[in-house]
Amino acid sequence: MSVVPVTLLVVAKAPVPGRVKTRLAATVGAQVAAEIAAAALLDTLDAVAIAPVAARVVAFTGELDDAVGVEEISRRLASFTVIDQRGDDFADRLANAHADAADGLPVLQIGMDTPQVSVGLLAGCAQQLTEAPAVLGFARDGGWWALGVRTPAHAECLRSIPMSTSDTGTLTLKALQRRGVQVKLIEELADFDAVDDVASVREACLPASRFARVTRKAGL
């Protein structure tokens, strides 16, 4: 598989109990929610680490020293370029991460809520970004799980979009189109924020994945 000239960007948060997946934690507790988040992050990083792309960047926030799985996460992050998230809110941090990661290449950005991503899926999405000004993958909850842009200027529209709402995906698509950016829609995925999301995400993961093992252990 040839290398695709794209930067694959993961926007991630340290899985610190009480600071991550708070909607999930309301049902399963802060510690278990952080364990699930750590599993999802590691599964995601594993796929990204072997995807055939030119560069791999993680935009990170939170206190890693306090995180669940700190040693394993630290070892995995060593194979990535790690940058700090910056900005007053999540929308700003996303737009800034695109600018900070680009380095002259198109950027395909994902999060840590879709641990089912595979090398093949990521490679295919990256390839489509080389053929279109932007790509967008909707999430089933109304948001989006992936955004790829050929230039960081296209991601500037994120600053005006409310994040984590049921229409974030549609609003992002419309904002890009208003700027005259042609958008290719890519595969829709389920992501997880609450306990009711876990089963559908796990079904799309490999049975031996960390996310599958941890969520089964938690009885979800």
N, C-alpha and C. Protein backbone atom coordinates (compact mmCIF):
# COMPACT_ATOMS: atom_id res chain seq x y z
N MET A 1 0.85 -1.19 0.00
CA MET A 1 0.00 0.00 0.00
C MET A 1 0.89 1.24 0.00
N SER A 2 0.72 2.10 -1.00
CA SER A 2 1.57 3.27 -1.12
C SER A 2 1.19 4.33 -0.10
N VAL A 3 2.17 5.18 0.22
CA VAL A 3 1.96 6.23 1.21
C VAL A 3 1.11 7.35 0.61
N VAL A 4 0.09 7.73 1.34
CA VAL A 4 -0.80 8.80 0.90
C VAL A 4 -0.27 10.12 1.47
N PRO A 5 -0.09 11.15 0.64
CA PRO A 5 0.48 12.42 1.12
C PRO A 5 -0.52 13.26 1.91
N VAL A 6 -0.85 12.76 3.09
CA VAL A 6 -1.82 13.39 3.99
C VAL A 6 -1.30 13.27 5.41
N THR A 7 -1.59 14.26 6.24
CA THR A 7 -1.33 14.17 7.67
C THR A 7 -2.60 13.66 8.36
N LEU A 8 -2.45 12.61 9.14
CA LEU A 8 -3.56 12.06 9.91
C LEU A 8 -3.46 12.64 11.32
N LEU A 9 -4.47 13.37 11.73
CA LEU A 9 -4.49 14.11 12.99
C LEU A 9 -5.52 13.51 13.93
N VAL A 10 -5.09 13.17 15.13
CA VAL A 10 -5.99 12.68 16.18
C VAL A 10 -6.11 13.77 17.24
N VAL A 11 -7.33 14.20 17.50
CA VAL A 11 -7.57 15.16 18.58
C VAL A 11 -8.00 14.35 19.80
N ALA A 12 -7.21 14.43 20.87
CA ALA A 12 -7.39 13.52 22.00
C ALA A 12 -7.30 14.24 23.33
N LYS A 13 -7.91 13.61 24.32
CA LYS A 13 -7.90 14.13 25.69
C LYS A 13 -7.41 13.04 26.62
N ALA A 14 -6.58 13.41 27.58
CA ALA A 14 -6.07 12.44 28.54
C ALA A 14 -7.24 11.79 29.28
N PRO A 15 -7.28 10.45 29.35
CA PRO A 15 -8.38 9.77 30.03
C PRO A 15 -8.23 9.80 31.55
N VAL A 16 -8.46 10.96 32.11
CA VAL A 16 -8.37 11.17 33.55
C VAL A 16 -9.75 10.98 34.17
N PRO A 17 -9.90 10.14 35.18
CA PRO A 17 -11.21 9.95 35.81
C PRO A 17 -11.81 11.28 36.27
N GLY A 18 -13.06 11.48 35.93
CA GLY A 18 -13.75 12.71 36.29
C GLY A 18 -13.57 13.84 35.29
N ARG A 19 -12.64 13.67 34.32
CA ARG A 19 -12.38 14.73 33.35
C ARG A 19 -12.71 14.30 31.92
N VAL A 20 -13.12 13.04 31.75
CA VAL A 20 -13.36 12.53 30.41
C VAL A 20 -14.63 11.69 30.41
N LYS A 21 -15.36 11.74 29.30
CA LYS A 21 -16.58 10.94 29.13
C LYS A 21 -17.53 11.07 30.32
N THR A 22 -17.88 12.30 30.64
CA THR A 22 -18.70 12.54 31.83
C THR A 22 -20.12 12.00 31.68
N ARG A 23 -20.66 12.00 30.47
CA ARG A 23 -22.00 11.42 30.27
C ARG A 23 -21.97 9.92 30.51
N LEU A 24 -20.94 9.27 30.05
CA LEU A 24 -20.79 7.84 30.30
C LEU A 24 -20.54 7.59 31.79
N ALA A 25 -19.72 8.46 32.40
CA ALA A 25 -19.39 8.31 33.82
C ALA A 25 -20.63 8.43 34.71
N ALA A 26 -21.63 9.17 34.28
CA ALA A 26 -22.84 9.31 35.08
C ALA A 26 -23.53 7.97 35.29
N THR A 27 -23.27 7.03 34.39
CA THR A 27 -23.89 5.70 34.49
C THR A 27 -22.93 4.67 35.07
N VAL A 28 -21.66 4.67 34.61
CA VAL A 28 -20.73 3.59 34.98
C VAL A 28 -19.70 4.02 36.01
N GLY A 29 -19.62 5.30 36.33
CA GLY A 29 -18.62 5.80 37.26
C GLY A 29 -17.41 6.37 36.54
N ALA A 30 -16.73 7.29 37.19
CA ALA A 30 -15.62 8.01 36.56
C ALA A 30 -14.46 7.11 36.19
N GLN A 31 -14.13 6.14 37.05
CA GLN A 31 -13.00 5.27 36.78
C GLN A 31 -13.24 4.38 35.56
N VAL A 32 -14.40 3.75 35.51
CA VAL A 32 -14.71 2.88 34.39
C VAL A 32 -14.80 3.68 33.09
N ALA A 33 -15.40 4.86 33.15
CA ALA A 33 -15.49 5.70 31.95
C ALA A 33 -14.10 6.06 31.44
N ALA A 34 -13.18 6.35 32.34
CA ALA A 34 -11.81 6.68 31.94
C ALA A 34 -11.11 5.46 31.36
N GLU A 35 -11.37 4.27 31.91
CA GLU A 35 -10.78 3.04 31.37
C GLU A 35 -11.27 2.79 29.94
N ILE A 36 -12.56 3.03 29.71
CA ILE A 36 -13.11 2.87 28.37
C ILE A 36 -12.51 3.90 27.41
N ALA A 37 -12.38 5.14 27.87
CA ALA A 37 -11.78 6.18 27.04
C ALA A 37 -10.33 5.84 26.70
N ALA A 38 -9.59 5.31 27.67
CA ALA A 38 -8.20 4.94 27.41
C ALA A 38 -8.12 3.83 26.37
N ALA A 39 -9.02 2.85 26.48
CA ALA A 39 -9.05 1.77 25.51
C ALA A 39 -9.35 2.29 24.11
N ALA A 40 -10.32 3.20 24.02
CA ALA A 40 -10.67 3.77 22.72
C ALA A 40 -9.51 4.56 22.13
N LEU A 41 -8.84 5.33 22.96
CA LEU A 41 -7.70 6.11 22.48
C LEU A 41 -6.60 5.19 21.96
N LEU A 42 -6.27 4.15 22.70
CA LEU A 42 -5.19 3.26 22.29
C LEU A 42 -5.55 2.49 21.02
N ASP A 43 -6.78 2.02 20.92
CA ASP A 43 -7.19 1.35 19.68
C ASP A 43 -7.07 2.29 18.49
N THR A 44 -7.50 3.53 18.69
CA THR A 44 -7.42 4.52 17.61
C THR A 44 -5.97 4.77 17.21
N LEU A 45 -5.11 4.97 18.19
CA LEU A 45 -3.70 5.24 17.90
C LEU A 45 -3.03 4.06 17.22
N ASP A 46 -3.42 2.85 17.60
CA ASP A 46 -2.85 1.67 16.94
C ASP A 46 -3.15 1.66 15.45
N ALA A 47 -4.39 1.98 15.08
CA ALA A 47 -4.76 2.01 13.67
C ALA A 47 -4.04 3.14 12.93
N VAL A 48 -3.99 4.31 13.55
CA VAL A 48 -3.34 5.45 12.92
C VAL A 48 -1.84 5.19 12.74
N ALA A 49 -1.23 4.52 13.70
CA ALA A 49 0.22 4.31 13.67
C ALA A 49 0.67 3.51 12.46
N ILE A 50 -0.19 2.65 11.94
CA ILE A 50 0.21 1.84 10.79
C ILE A 50 -0.52 2.22 9.51
N ALA A 51 -1.31 3.27 9.56
CA ALA A 51 -1.97 3.75 8.35
C ALA A 51 -0.91 4.31 7.39
N PRO A 52 -1.07 4.09 6.09
CA PRO A 52 -0.06 4.50 5.12
C PRO A 52 -0.18 5.98 4.74
N VAL A 53 0.13 6.85 5.69
CA VAL A 53 0.05 8.29 5.47
C VAL A 53 1.42 8.90 5.69
N ALA A 54 1.58 10.14 5.23
CA ALA A 54 2.89 10.78 5.28
C ALA A 54 3.27 11.25 6.67
N ALA A 55 2.28 11.62 7.49
CA ALA A 55 2.58 12.14 8.83
C ALA A 55 1.43 11.81 9.77
N ARG A 56 1.77 11.68 11.06
CA ARG A 56 0.78 11.35 12.10
C ARG A 56 0.98 12.30 13.27
N VAL A 57 -0.08 13.00 13.63
CA VAL A 57 -0.01 14.02 14.68
C VAL A 57 -1.14 13.77 15.68
N VAL A 58 -0.82 13.97 16.95
CA VAL A 58 -1.85 13.95 17.99
C VAL A 58 -1.89 15.33 18.63
N ALA A 59 -3.06 15.96 18.60
CA ALA A 59 -3.28 17.22 19.33
C ALA A 59 -3.88 16.83 20.67
N PHE A 60 -3.13 17.06 21.73
CA PHE A 60 -3.45 16.47 23.03
C PHE A 60 -3.76 17.54 24.06
N THR A 61 -4.67 17.19 24.97
CA THR A 61 -4.96 18.07 26.10
C THR A 61 -5.18 17.22 27.34
N GLY A 62 -4.99 17.82 28.51
CA GLY A 62 -5.20 17.10 29.76
C GLY A 62 -3.89 16.64 30.39
N GLU A 63 -3.98 16.24 31.65
CA GLU A 63 -2.82 15.82 32.41
C GLU A 63 -2.56 14.33 32.21
N LEU A 64 -1.65 14.01 31.33
CA LEU A 64 -1.39 12.60 31.02
C LEU A 64 -0.90 11.83 32.25
N ASP A 65 -0.16 12.48 33.12
CA ASP A 65 0.36 11.78 34.31
C ASP A 65 -0.75 11.26 35.21
N ASP A 66 -1.93 11.85 35.12
CA ASP A 66 -3.07 11.44 35.96
C ASP A 66 -4.01 10.48 35.24
N ALA A 67 -3.66 10.11 34.02
CA ALA A 67 -4.57 9.35 33.19
C ALA A 67 -4.52 7.86 33.47
N VAL A 68 -5.62 7.19 33.20
CA VAL A 68 -5.65 5.73 33.17
C VAL A 68 -4.77 5.27 32.01
N GLY A 69 -3.95 4.25 32.26
CA GLY A 69 -3.10 3.71 31.20
C GLY A 69 -1.98 4.61 30.77
N VAL A 70 -1.48 5.45 31.69
CA VAL A 70 -0.49 6.46 31.33
C VAL A 70 0.75 5.84 30.69
N GLU A 71 1.23 4.72 31.20
CA GLU A 71 2.47 4.15 30.66
C GLU A 71 2.28 3.67 29.22
N GLU A 72 1.18 2.95 28.96
CA GLU A 72 0.95 2.45 27.61
C GLU A 72 0.66 3.59 26.64
N ILE A 73 -0.10 4.57 27.07
CA ILE A 73 -0.39 5.71 26.21
C ILE A 73 0.89 6.48 25.89
N SER A 74 1.75 6.67 26.89
CA SER A 74 3.01 7.39 26.67
C SER A 74 3.88 6.66 25.66
N ARG A 75 3.94 5.34 25.77
CA ARG A 75 4.74 4.56 24.81
C ARG A 75 4.19 4.71 23.39
N ARG A 76 2.89 4.67 23.26
CA ARG A 76 2.29 4.78 21.94
C ARG A 76 2.48 6.18 21.37
N LEU A 77 2.33 7.21 22.20
CA LEU A 77 2.49 8.58 21.72
C LEU A 77 3.91 8.88 21.25
N ALA A 78 4.87 8.09 21.71
CA ALA A 78 6.26 8.31 21.31
C ALA A 78 6.46 8.17 19.81
N SER A 79 5.56 7.47 19.13
CA SER A 79 5.70 7.28 17.68
C SER A 79 4.94 8.34 16.89
N PHE A 80 4.38 9.32 17.58
CA PHE A 80 3.63 10.40 16.94
C PHE A 80 4.30 11.74 17.19
N THR A 81 3.99 12.71 16.33
CA THR A 81 4.27 14.10 16.66
C THR A 81 3.12 14.57 17.54
N VAL A 82 3.42 15.03 18.74
CA VAL A 82 2.40 15.45 19.69
C VAL A 82 2.44 16.97 19.85
N ILE A 83 1.31 17.61 19.67
CA ILE A 83 1.20 19.05 19.84
C ILE A 83 0.13 19.33 20.89
N ASP A 84 0.23 20.47 21.54
CA ASP A 84 -0.77 20.87 22.52
C ASP A 84 -1.99 21.46 21.82
N GLN A 85 -3.16 21.13 22.32
CA GLN A 85 -4.35 21.83 21.86
C GLN A 85 -4.32 23.26 22.40
N ARG A 86 -4.79 24.20 21.62
CA ARG A 86 -4.84 25.58 22.07
C ARG A 86 -6.15 26.22 21.60
N GLY A 87 -6.70 27.07 22.44
CA GLY A 87 -7.95 27.72 22.10
C GLY A 87 -8.86 27.79 23.31
N ASP A 88 -9.84 28.69 23.24
CA ASP A 88 -10.73 28.92 24.37
C ASP A 88 -11.85 27.89 24.46
N ASP A 89 -12.23 27.30 23.34
CA ASP A 89 -13.28 26.28 23.36
C ASP A 89 -12.92 25.19 22.37
N PHE A 90 -13.75 24.14 22.31
CA PHE A 90 -13.42 22.98 21.49
C PHE A 90 -13.35 23.34 20.01
N ALA A 91 -14.25 24.19 19.55
CA ALA A 91 -14.24 24.59 18.15
C ALA A 91 -12.93 25.29 17.79
N ASP A 92 -12.49 26.19 18.64
CA ASP A 92 -11.21 26.86 18.41
C ASP A 92 -10.05 25.87 18.41
N ARG A 93 -10.09 24.91 19.33
CA ARG A 93 -9.00 23.94 19.41
C ARG A 93 -8.93 23.08 18.17
N LEU A 94 -10.09 22.74 17.61
CA LEU A 94 -10.10 21.96 16.37
C LEU A 94 -9.50 22.75 15.21
N ALA A 95 -9.95 23.98 15.04
CA ALA A 95 -9.43 24.80 13.95
C ALA A 95 -7.93 25.04 14.10
N ASN A 96 -7.49 25.31 15.32
CA ASN A 96 -6.07 25.54 15.56
C ASN A 96 -5.26 24.27 15.33
N ALA A 97 -5.82 23.12 15.68
CA ALA A 97 -5.09 21.86 15.47
C ALA A 97 -4.84 21.61 14.00
N HIS A 98 -5.83 21.93 13.15
CA HIS A 98 -5.62 21.79 11.71
C HIS A 98 -4.47 22.68 11.25
N ALA A 99 -4.45 23.90 11.72
CA ALA A 99 -3.39 24.83 11.32
C ALA A 99 -2.03 24.36 11.83
N ASP A 100 -1.98 23.88 13.06
CA ASP A 100 -0.71 23.48 13.66
C ASP A 100 -0.16 22.19 13.07
N ALA A 101 -1.05 21.32 12.58
CA ALA A 101 -0.62 20.01 12.09
C ALA A 101 -0.29 20.00 10.60
N ALA A 102 -0.76 20.97 9.85
CA ALA A 102 -0.76 20.87 8.39
C ALA A 102 0.63 20.69 7.78
N ASP A 103 1.54 21.63 8.02
CA ASP A 103 2.91 21.55 7.49
C ASP A 103 2.92 21.28 5.99
N GLY A 104 2.00 21.93 5.27
CA GLY A 104 1.98 21.83 3.82
C GLY A 104 1.21 20.65 3.25
N LEU A 105 0.68 19.80 4.10
CA LEU A 105 -0.08 18.64 3.65
C LEU A 105 -1.56 18.78 3.98
N PRO A 106 -2.44 18.14 3.22
CA PRO A 106 -3.83 18.05 3.65
C PRO A 106 -3.90 17.34 5.01
N VAL A 107 -4.90 17.68 5.79
CA VAL A 107 -5.06 17.09 7.13
C VAL A 107 -6.40 16.37 7.23
N LEU A 108 -6.34 15.11 7.63
CA LEU A 108 -7.53 14.33 7.94
C LEU A 108 -7.59 14.18 9.44
N GLN A 109 -8.61 14.78 10.07
CA GLN A 109 -8.71 14.80 11.53
C GLN A 109 -9.81 13.87 12.02
N ILE A 110 -9.46 13.08 13.04
CA ILE A 110 -10.43 12.23 13.72
C ILE A 110 -10.30 12.47 15.21
N GLY A 111 -11.21 11.86 15.99
CA GLY A 111 -11.13 11.95 17.43
C GLY A 111 -10.79 10.60 18.03
N MET A 112 -11.18 10.39 19.28
CA MET A 112 -10.91 9.13 19.98
C MET A 112 -12.19 8.41 20.36
N ASP A 113 -13.30 8.79 19.70
CA ASP A 113 -14.60 8.21 20.02
C ASP A 113 -15.03 7.14 19.03
N THR A 114 -14.15 6.81 18.07
CA THR A 114 -14.47 5.79 17.06
C THR A 114 -13.35 4.77 17.02
N PRO A 115 -13.22 3.96 18.07
CA PRO A 115 -12.11 3.00 18.13
C PRO A 115 -12.21 1.89 17.09
N GLN A 116 -13.33 1.83 16.37
CA GLN A 116 -13.49 0.83 15.33
C GLN A 116 -12.77 1.18 14.03
N VAL A 117 -12.17 2.36 13.95
CA VAL A 117 -11.49 2.74 12.70
C VAL A 117 -10.41 1.72 12.38
N SER A 118 -10.30 1.39 11.10
CA SER A 118 -9.31 0.42 10.64
C SER A 118 -8.28 1.11 9.75
N VAL A 119 -7.19 0.42 9.53
CA VAL A 119 -6.17 0.95 8.63
C VAL A 119 -6.75 1.18 7.24
N GLY A 120 -7.53 0.21 6.77
CA GLY A 120 -8.11 0.34 5.44
C GLY A 120 -9.05 1.53 5.33
N LEU A 121 -9.89 1.74 6.35
CA LEU A 121 -10.80 2.87 6.33
C LEU A 121 -10.04 4.18 6.32
N LEU A 122 -9.04 4.31 7.18
CA LEU A 122 -8.27 5.54 7.26
C LEU A 122 -7.52 5.81 5.96
N ALA A 123 -6.94 4.77 5.39
CA ALA A 123 -6.22 4.93 4.12
C ALA A 123 -7.17 5.38 3.02
N GLY A 124 -8.36 4.77 2.98
CA GLY A 124 -9.32 5.16 1.96
C GLY A 124 -9.79 6.59 2.11
N CYS A 125 -10.03 7.02 3.34
CA CYS A 125 -10.45 8.41 3.57
C CYS A 125 -9.34 9.38 3.20
N ALA A 126 -8.11 9.03 3.56
CA ALA A 126 -6.98 9.89 3.21
C ALA A 126 -6.83 10.02 1.69
N GLN A 127 -6.99 8.90 0.99
CA GLN A 127 -6.89 8.93 -0.46
C GLN A 127 -7.97 9.83 -1.07
N GLN A 128 -9.18 9.74 -0.53
CA GLN A 128 -10.25 10.59 -1.05
C GLN A 128 -9.97 12.06 -0.81
N LEU A 129 -9.24 12.38 0.26
CA LEU A 129 -8.88 13.77 0.52
C LEU A 129 -7.89 14.30 -0.51
N THR A 130 -7.10 13.43 -1.12
CA THR A 130 -6.19 13.89 -2.17
C THR A 130 -6.93 14.20 -3.46
N GLU A 131 -8.19 13.79 -3.52
CA GLU A 131 -8.98 13.95 -4.74
C GLU A 131 -10.11 14.96 -4.58
N ALA A 132 -10.27 15.53 -3.38
CA ALA A 132 -11.35 16.47 -3.12
C ALA A 132 -10.84 17.57 -2.18
N PRO A 133 -11.42 18.78 -2.24
CA PRO A 133 -10.99 19.85 -1.34
C PRO A 133 -11.23 19.53 0.13
N ALA A 134 -12.29 18.73 0.41
CA ALA A 134 -12.60 18.39 1.79
C ALA A 134 -13.39 17.09 1.81
N VAL A 135 -13.24 16.36 2.92
CA VAL A 135 -14.06 15.17 3.14
C VAL A 135 -14.67 15.29 4.53
N LEU A 136 -15.86 14.71 4.69
CA LEU A 136 -16.56 14.80 5.97
C LEU A 136 -17.27 13.48 6.23
N GLY A 137 -17.04 12.93 7.42
CA GLY A 137 -17.70 11.70 7.82
C GLY A 137 -18.67 11.97 8.95
N PHE A 138 -19.95 11.83 8.69
CA PHE A 138 -20.95 12.06 9.73
C PHE A 138 -20.91 10.96 10.79
N ALA A 139 -21.23 11.34 12.02
CA ALA A 139 -21.48 10.38 13.09
C ALA A 139 -22.98 10.19 13.23
N ARG A 140 -23.37 9.03 13.72
CA ARG A 140 -24.80 8.71 13.77
C ARG A 140 -25.58 9.57 14.75
N ASP A 141 -24.87 10.22 15.66
CA ASP A 141 -25.56 11.07 16.63
C ASP A 141 -25.78 12.50 16.12
N GLY A 142 -25.41 12.75 14.87
CA GLY A 142 -25.60 14.08 14.29
C GLY A 142 -24.34 14.91 14.21
N GLY A 143 -23.27 14.45 14.83
CA GLY A 143 -21.99 15.14 14.73
C GLY A 143 -21.19 14.63 13.55
N TRP A 144 -19.88 14.71 13.65
CA TRP A 144 -19.02 14.11 12.64
C TRP A 144 -17.82 13.46 13.32
N TRP A 145 -17.31 12.39 12.71
CA TRP A 145 -16.17 11.67 13.29
C TRP A 145 -14.88 11.98 12.55
N ALA A 146 -14.99 12.50 11.33
CA ALA A 146 -13.78 12.79 10.54
C ALA A 146 -14.02 14.03 9.69
N LEU A 147 -13.00 14.86 9.65
CA LEU A 147 -13.00 16.04 8.77
C LEU A 147 -11.63 16.14 8.13
N GLY A 148 -11.62 16.15 6.82
CA GLY A 148 -10.36 16.34 6.10
C GLY A 148 -10.44 17.58 5.23
N VAL A 149 -9.38 18.39 5.27
CA VAL A 149 -9.33 19.60 4.44
C VAL A 149 -7.97 19.71 3.77
N ARG A 150 -7.99 20.25 2.57
CA ARG A 150 -6.74 20.38 1.82
C ARG A 150 -5.88 21.53 2.34
N THR A 151 -6.53 22.51 2.97
CA THR A 151 -5.81 23.66 3.52
C THR A 151 -6.43 24.04 4.86
N PRO A 152 -5.63 24.47 5.84
CA PRO A 152 -6.19 24.84 7.15
C PRO A 152 -7.22 25.95 7.08
N ALA A 153 -7.17 26.77 6.03
CA ALA A 153 -8.14 27.86 5.89
C ALA A 153 -9.56 27.31 5.84
N HIS A 154 -9.74 26.12 5.27
CA HIS A 154 -11.08 25.54 5.19
C HIS A 154 -11.62 25.21 6.58
N ALA A 155 -10.73 24.86 7.51
CA ALA A 155 -11.17 24.49 8.87
C ALA A 155 -11.52 25.70 9.72
N GLU A 156 -11.24 26.90 9.24
CA GLU A 156 -11.56 28.09 10.02
C GLU A 156 -13.06 28.21 10.28
N CYS A 157 -13.87 27.62 9.41
CA CYS A 157 -15.32 27.71 9.60
C CYS A 157 -15.78 27.01 10.88
N LEU A 158 -14.96 26.12 11.42
CA LEU A 158 -15.35 25.40 12.64
C LEU A 158 -15.55 26.34 13.82
N ARG A 159 -14.88 27.47 13.81
CA ARG A 159 -14.93 28.38 14.97
C ARG A 159 -16.34 28.89 15.24
N SER A 160 -17.19 28.91 14.24
CA SER A 160 -18.54 29.45 14.41
C SER A 160 -19.60 28.37 14.59
N ILE A 161 -19.17 27.11 14.70
CA ILE A 161 -20.12 26.00 14.74
C ILE A 161 -20.23 25.45 16.17
N PRO A 162 -21.44 25.33 16.70
CA PRO A 162 -21.59 24.70 18.02
C PRO A 162 -21.24 23.22 17.93
N MET A 163 -20.39 22.77 18.83
CA MET A 163 -19.94 21.39 18.81
C MET A 163 -20.79 20.52 19.73
N SER A 164 -20.76 19.22 19.46
CA SER A 164 -21.44 18.22 20.30
C SER A 164 -22.94 18.46 20.37
N THR A 165 -23.53 18.82 19.24
CA THR A 165 -24.98 18.96 19.15
C THR A 165 -25.50 17.99 18.09
N SER A 166 -26.81 17.85 18.02
CA SER A 166 -27.39 16.91 17.08
C SER A 166 -27.31 17.37 15.63
N ASP A 167 -26.92 18.61 15.40
CA ASP A 167 -26.80 19.10 14.02
C ASP A 167 -25.40 19.63 13.71
N THR A 168 -24.41 19.27 14.52
CA THR A 168 -23.04 19.73 14.26
C THR A 168 -22.56 19.28 12.88
N GLY A 169 -22.88 18.05 12.49
CA GLY A 169 -22.44 17.56 11.19
C GLY A 169 -23.02 18.36 10.04
N THR A 170 -24.34 18.57 10.09
CA THR A 170 -25.00 19.32 9.03
C THR A 170 -24.50 20.76 8.97
N LEU A 171 -24.33 21.37 10.13
CA LEU A 171 -23.84 22.75 10.18
C LEU A 171 -22.42 22.86 9.62
N THR A 172 -21.60 21.86 9.90
CA THR A 172 -20.23 21.86 9.37
C THR A 172 -20.25 21.75 7.86
N LEU A 173 -21.06 20.85 7.33
CA LEU A 173 -21.17 20.71 5.88
C LEU A 173 -21.61 22.01 5.23
N LYS A 174 -22.64 22.64 5.79
CA LYS A 174 -23.15 23.88 5.22
C LYS A 174 -22.13 25.01 5.30
N ALA A 175 -21.38 25.05 6.41
CA ALA A 175 -20.37 26.11 6.57
C ALA A 175 -19.26 25.96 5.53
N LEU A 176 -18.85 24.74 5.28
CA LEU A 176 -17.84 24.51 4.24
C LEU A 176 -18.37 24.90 2.87
N GLN A 177 -19.59 24.50 2.59
CA GLN A 177 -20.18 24.80 1.28
C GLN A 177 -20.36 26.30 1.08
N ARG A 178 -20.72 27.03 2.13
CA ARG A 178 -20.86 28.49 2.02
C ARG A 178 -19.54 29.14 1.64
N ARG A 179 -18.43 28.51 2.02
CA ARG A 179 -17.11 29.04 1.66
C ARG A 179 -16.69 28.59 0.26
N GLY A 180 -17.57 27.89 -0.41
CA GLY A 180 -17.25 27.43 -1.75
C GLY A 180 -16.39 26.17 -1.79
N VAL A 181 -16.34 25.45 -0.67
CA VAL A 181 -15.52 24.24 -0.58
C VAL A 181 -16.37 23.04 -0.97
N GLN A 182 -15.93 22.32 -1.98
CA GLN A 182 -16.61 21.09 -2.36
C GLN A 182 -16.28 19.99 -1.36
N VAL A 183 -17.30 19.33 -0.84
CA VAL A 183 -17.13 18.34 0.23
C VAL A 183 -17.57 16.97 -0.26
N LYS A 184 -16.69 15.99 -0.10
CA LYS A 184 -17.06 14.61 -0.39
C LYS A 184 -17.41 13.92 0.92
N LEU A 185 -18.60 13.35 0.99
CA LEU A 185 -19.01 12.64 2.20
C LEU A 185 -18.41 11.24 2.21
N ILE A 186 -17.86 10.86 3.36
CA ILE A 186 -17.26 9.55 3.52
C ILE A 186 -18.12 8.73 4.48
N GLU A 187 -17.68 7.56 4.80
CA GLU A 187 -18.49 6.60 5.56
C GLU A 187 -18.96 7.17 6.90
N GLU A 188 -20.21 6.95 7.20
CA GLU A 188 -20.77 7.32 8.51
C GLU A 188 -20.41 6.26 9.54
N LEU A 189 -20.06 6.70 10.75
CA LEU A 189 -19.73 5.79 11.83
C LEU A 189 -20.52 6.14 13.09
N ALA A 190 -20.69 5.16 13.94
CA ALA A 190 -21.19 5.41 15.29
C ALA A 190 -20.02 5.82 16.17
N ASP A 191 -20.25 6.78 17.06
CA ASP A 191 -19.25 7.11 18.07
C ASP A 191 -19.90 6.93 19.43
N PHE A 192 -19.11 7.08 20.50
CA PHE A 192 -19.69 6.85 21.81
C PHE A 192 -19.46 8.04 22.74
N ASP A 193 -20.53 8.40 23.42
CA ASP A 193 -20.49 9.43 24.46
C ASP A 193 -21.20 8.97 25.72
N ALA A 194 -22.24 8.16 25.52
CA ALA A 194 -23.05 7.69 26.64
C ALA A 194 -23.14 6.17 26.60
N VAL A 195 -23.71 5.59 27.65
CA VAL A 195 -23.73 4.14 27.77
C VAL A 195 -24.52 3.48 26.64
N ASP A 196 -25.55 4.15 26.13
CA ASP A 196 -26.35 3.56 25.05
C ASP A 196 -25.60 3.48 23.73
N ASP A 197 -24.48 4.17 23.63
CA ASP A 197 -23.70 4.16 22.38
C ASP A 197 -22.71 2.99 22.33
N VAL A 198 -22.42 2.40 23.47
CA VAL A 198 -21.29 1.47 23.55
C VAL A 198 -21.48 0.23 22.68
N ALA A 199 -22.65 -0.38 22.73
CA ALA A 199 -22.86 -1.65 22.03
C ALA A 199 -22.65 -1.53 20.53
N SER A 200 -23.18 -0.47 19.91
CA SER A 200 -23.05 -0.34 18.46
C SER A 200 -21.61 -0.10 18.04
N VAL A 201 -20.85 0.64 18.87
CA VAL A 201 -19.44 0.84 18.56
C VAL A 201 -18.67 -0.46 18.73
N ARG A 202 -18.95 -1.18 19.81
CA ARG A 202 -18.24 -2.44 20.05
C ARG A 202 -18.50 -3.45 18.93
N GLU A 203 -19.71 -3.47 18.40
CA GLU A 203 -20.03 -4.39 17.31
C GLU A 203 -19.17 -4.15 16.08
N ALA A 204 -18.73 -2.92 15.89
CA ALA A 204 -17.91 -2.58 14.74
C ALA A 204 -16.41 -2.77 15.01
N CYS A 205 -16.05 -3.04 16.27
CA CYS A 205 -14.64 -3.25 16.64
C CYS A 205 -14.26 -4.72 16.47
N LEU A 206 -12.99 -4.99 16.37
CA LEU A 206 -12.52 -6.37 16.42
C LEU A 206 -12.81 -6.93 17.81
N PRO A 207 -13.18 -8.20 17.92
CA PRO A 207 -13.52 -8.78 19.23
C PRO A 207 -12.38 -8.69 20.24
N ALA A 208 -11.13 -8.70 19.75
CA ALA A 208 -9.99 -8.65 20.66
C ALA A 208 -9.51 -7.23 20.95
N SER A 209 -10.21 -6.24 20.45
CA SER A 209 -9.78 -4.86 20.67
C SER A 209 -9.88 -4.50 22.15
N ARG A 210 -9.14 -3.51 22.54
CA ARG A 210 -9.20 -3.05 23.94
C ARG A 210 -10.60 -2.57 24.28
N PHE A 211 -11.21 -1.82 23.36
CA PHE A 211 -12.54 -1.29 23.63
C PHE A 211 -13.53 -2.42 23.87
N ALA A 212 -13.47 -3.46 23.04
CA ALA A 212 -14.38 -4.59 23.23
C ALA A 212 -14.13 -5.28 24.55
N ARG A 213 -12.88 -5.50 24.89
CA ARG A 213 -12.56 -6.20 26.13
C ARG A 213 -12.98 -5.40 27.36
N VAL A 214 -12.68 -4.11 27.37
CA VAL A 214 -12.96 -3.28 28.54
C VAL A 214 -14.46 -3.09 28.74
N THR A 215 -15.19 -2.88 27.64
CA THR A 215 -16.63 -2.66 27.78
C THR A 215 -17.34 -3.96 28.16
N ARG A 216 -16.87 -5.08 27.66
CA ARG A 216 -17.47 -6.35 28.08
C ARG A 216 -17.20 -6.60 29.57
N LYS A 217 -15.99 -6.31 30.00
CA LYS A 217 -15.64 -6.47 31.40
C LYS A 217 -16.53 -5.60 32.30
N ALA A 218 -16.90 -4.43 31.79
CA ALA A 218 -17.74 -3.51 32.56
C ALA A 218 -19.22 -3.91 32.52
N GLY A 219 -19.51 -4.95 31.75
CA GLY A 219 -20.90 -5.42 31.67
C GLY A 219 -21.79 -4.59 30.78
N LEU A 220 -21.20 -3.88 29.84
CA LEU A 220 -21.97 -3.00 28.96
C LEU A 220 -22.30 -3.69 27.64
